[in-house]
Amino acid sequence: MNADWVGVAGACGFFLLLIVIVWQTAATWRARMLAAREDQYRELSTKYAQLLEDNVELHRRTLEELTQTRTSLASMEKMMREIE
């Protein structure tokens, strides 16, 4: 009878050990996944910042070209009025 209790206690201890091992493995896996996701978000935000800078530069150039075009057009209009 006493040996039965020892066997039950040993089986309970073994299953408890298995539960702890599975639990810790899952926690470690989840932590790694969260860290990988954070790295991906960091890379994405860096890409976004670079694209935003490129977009701002493109916008600045477009405005500059538009200003030059308006200046040229105004000059041509003035010249056309002087010819008439």
C-alpha atoms as a PDB file:
ATOM      1  CA  MET A   1       0.000   0.000   0.000  1.00  0.00           C
ATOM      2  CA  ASN A   2       2.815   2.374   0.865  1.00  0.00           C
ATOM      3  CA  ALA A   3       4.511   1.541  -2.430  1.00  0.00           C
ATOM      4  CA  ASP A   4       1.336   2.555  -4.261  1.00  0.00           C
ATOM      5  CA  TRP A   5       1.491   6.032  -2.754  1.00  0.00           C
ATOM      6  CA  VAL A   6       5.129   6.345  -3.683  1.00  0.00           C
ATOM      7  CA  GLY A   7       4.260   5.425  -7.271  1.00  0.00           C
ATOM      8  CA  VAL A   8       1.395   7.934  -7.365  1.00  0.00           C
ATOM      9  CA  ALA A   9       3.602  10.661  -5.899  1.00  0.00           C
ATOM     10  CA  GLY A  10       6.340   9.829  -8.408  1.00  0.00           C
ATOM     11  CA  ALA A  11       3.879   9.916 -11.324  1.00  0.00           C
ATOM     12  CA  CYS A  12       2.443  13.237 -10.106  1.00  0.00           C
ATOM     13  CA  GLY A  13       5.943  14.662  -9.785  1.00  0.00           C
ATOM     14  CA  PHE A  14       6.860  13.447 -13.256  1.00  0.00           C
ATOM     15  CA  PHE A  15       3.733  14.968 -14.823  1.00  0.00           C
ATOM     16  CA  LEU A  16       4.293  18.196 -12.901  1.00  0.00           C
ATOM     17  CA  LEU A  17       7.845  18.312 -14.268  1.00  0.00           C
ATOM     18  CA  LEU A  18       6.520  17.762 -17.800  1.00  0.00           C
ATOM     19  CA  ILE A  19       3.963  20.556 -17.350  1.00  0.00           C
ATOM     20  CA  VAL A  20       6.658  22.971 -16.140  1.00  0.00           C
ATOM     21  CA  ILE A  21       8.944  22.055 -19.049  1.00  0.00           C
ATOM     22  CA  VAL A  22       6.155  22.552 -21.622  1.00  0.00           C
ATOM     23  CA  TRP A  23       5.088  25.797 -19.952  1.00  0.00           C
ATOM     24  CA  GLN A  24       8.628  27.211 -19.971  1.00  0.00           C
ATOM     25  CA  THR A  25       9.205  26.099 -23.559  1.00  0.00           C
ATOM     26  CA  ALA A  26       6.009  27.859 -24.631  1.00  0.00           C
ATOM     27  CA  ALA A  27       6.970  31.001 -22.701  1.00  0.00           C
ATOM     28  CA  THR A  28      10.428  31.029 -24.316  1.00  0.00           C
ATOM     29  CA  TRP A  29       8.934  30.521 -27.777  1.00  0.00           C
ATOM     30  CA  ARG A  30       6.440  33.350 -27.201  1.00  0.00           C
ATOM     31  CA  ALA A  31       9.209  35.684 -26.024  1.00  0.00           C
ATOM     32  CA  ARG A  32      11.257  34.917 -29.139  1.00  0.00           C
ATOM     33  CA  MET A  33       8.256  35.549 -31.372  1.00  0.00           C
ATOM     34  CA  LEU A  34       7.573  38.883 -29.674  1.00  0.00           C
ATOM     35  CA  ALA A  35      11.221  39.889 -30.057  1.00  0.00           C
ATOM     36  CA  ALA A  36      11.167  38.946 -33.747  1.00  0.00           C
ATOM     37  CA  ARG A  37       7.957  40.931 -34.257  1.00  0.00           C
ATOM     38  CA  GLU A  38       9.513  43.928 -32.515  1.00  0.00           C
ATOM     39  CA  ASP A  39      12.539  43.703 -34.836  1.00  0.00           C
ATOM     40  CA  GLN A  40      10.225  43.581 -37.840  1.00  0.00           C
ATOM     41  CA  TYR A  41       8.342  46.644 -36.601  1.00  0.00           C
ATOM     42  CA  ARG A  42      11.628  48.458 -36.092  1.00  0.00           C
ATOM     43  CA  GLU A  43      12.746  47.621 -39.649  1.00  0.00           C
ATOM     44  CA  LEU A  44       9.364  48.676 -41.002  1.00  0.00           C
ATOM     45  CA  SER A  45       9.497  52.012 -39.191  1.00  0.00           C
ATOM     46  CA  THR A  46      13.013  52.618 -40.514  1.00  0.00           C
ATOM     47  CA  LYS A  47      11.814  51.884 -44.066  1.00  0.00           C
ATOM     48  CA  TYR A  48       8.825  54.155 -43.556  1.00  0.00           C
ATOM     49  CA  ALA A  49      11.036  56.981 -42.314  1.00  0.00           C
ATOM     50  CA  GLN A  50      13.294  56.624 -45.372  1.00  0.00           C
ATOM     51  CA  LEU A  51      10.311  56.574 -47.742  1.00  0.00           C
ATOM     52  CA  LEU A  52       8.916  59.645 -46.026  1.00  0.00           C
ATOM     53  CA  GLU A  53      12.224  61.480 -46.461  1.00  0.00           C
ATOM     54  CA  ASP A  54      12.320  60.457 -50.128  1.00  0.00           C
ATOM     55  CA  ASN A  55       8.748  61.644 -50.579  1.00  0.00           C
ATOM     56  CA  VAL A  56       9.510  65.008 -48.968  1.00  0.00           C
ATOM     57  CA  GLU A  57      12.547  65.436 -51.240  1.00  0.00           C
ATOM     58  CA  LEU A  58      10.472  64.530 -54.299  1.00  0.00           C
ATOM     59  CA  HIS A  59       7.808  67.008 -53.231  1.00  0.00           C
ATOM     60  CA  ARG A  60      10.431  69.730 -52.783  1.00  0.00           C
ATOM     61  CA  ARG A  61      11.858  69.091 -56.261  1.00  0.00           C
ATOM     62  CA  THR A  62       8.386  69.093 -57.802  1.00  0.00           C
ATOM     63  CA  LEU A  63       7.588  72.433 -56.195  1.00  0.00           C
ATOM     64  CA  GLU A  64      10.898  73.817 -57.376  1.00  0.00           C
ATOM     65  CA  GLU A  65      10.225  72.692 -60.944  1.00  0.00           C
ATOM     66  CA  LEU A  66       6.688  74.068 -60.799  1.00  0.00           C
ATOM     67  CA  THR A  67       8.012  77.423 -59.621  1.00  0.00           C
ATOM     68  CA  GLN A  68      10.501  77.482 -62.499  1.00  0.00           C
ATOM     69  CA  THR A  69       7.742  76.562 -64.938  1.00  0.00           C
ATOM     70  CA  ARG A  70       5.512  79.359 -63.640  1.00  0.00           C
ATOM     71  CA  THR A  71       8.377  81.826 -63.919  1.00  0.00           C
ATOM     72  CA  SER A  72       9.059  80.749 -67.499  1.00  0.00           C
ATOM     73  CA  LEU A  73       5.371  80.914 -68.377  1.00  0.00           C
ATOM     74  CA  ALA A  74       5.047  84.396 -66.876  1.00  0.00           C
ATOM     75  CA  SER A  75       8.096  85.481 -68.844  1.00  0.00           C
ATOM     76  CA  MET A  76       6.636  84.083 -72.064  1.00  0.00           C
ATOM     77  CA  GLU A  77       3.282  85.807 -71.388  1.00  0.00           C
ATOM     78  CA  LYS A  78       5.060  89.098 -70.818  1.00  0.00           C
ATOM     79  CA  MET A  79       7.026  88.664 -74.032  1.00  0.00           C
ATOM     80  CA  MET A  80       3.834  87.808 -75.970  1.00  0.00           C
ATOM     81  CA  ARG A  81       2.111  90.940 -74.632  1.00  0.00           C
ATOM     82  CA  GLU A  82       5.073  93.078 -75.645  1.00  0.00           C
ATOM     83  CA  ILE A  83       4.960  91.653 -79.184  1.00  0.00           C
ATOM     84  CA  GLU A  84       1.256  92.470 -79.597  1.00  0.00           C
END
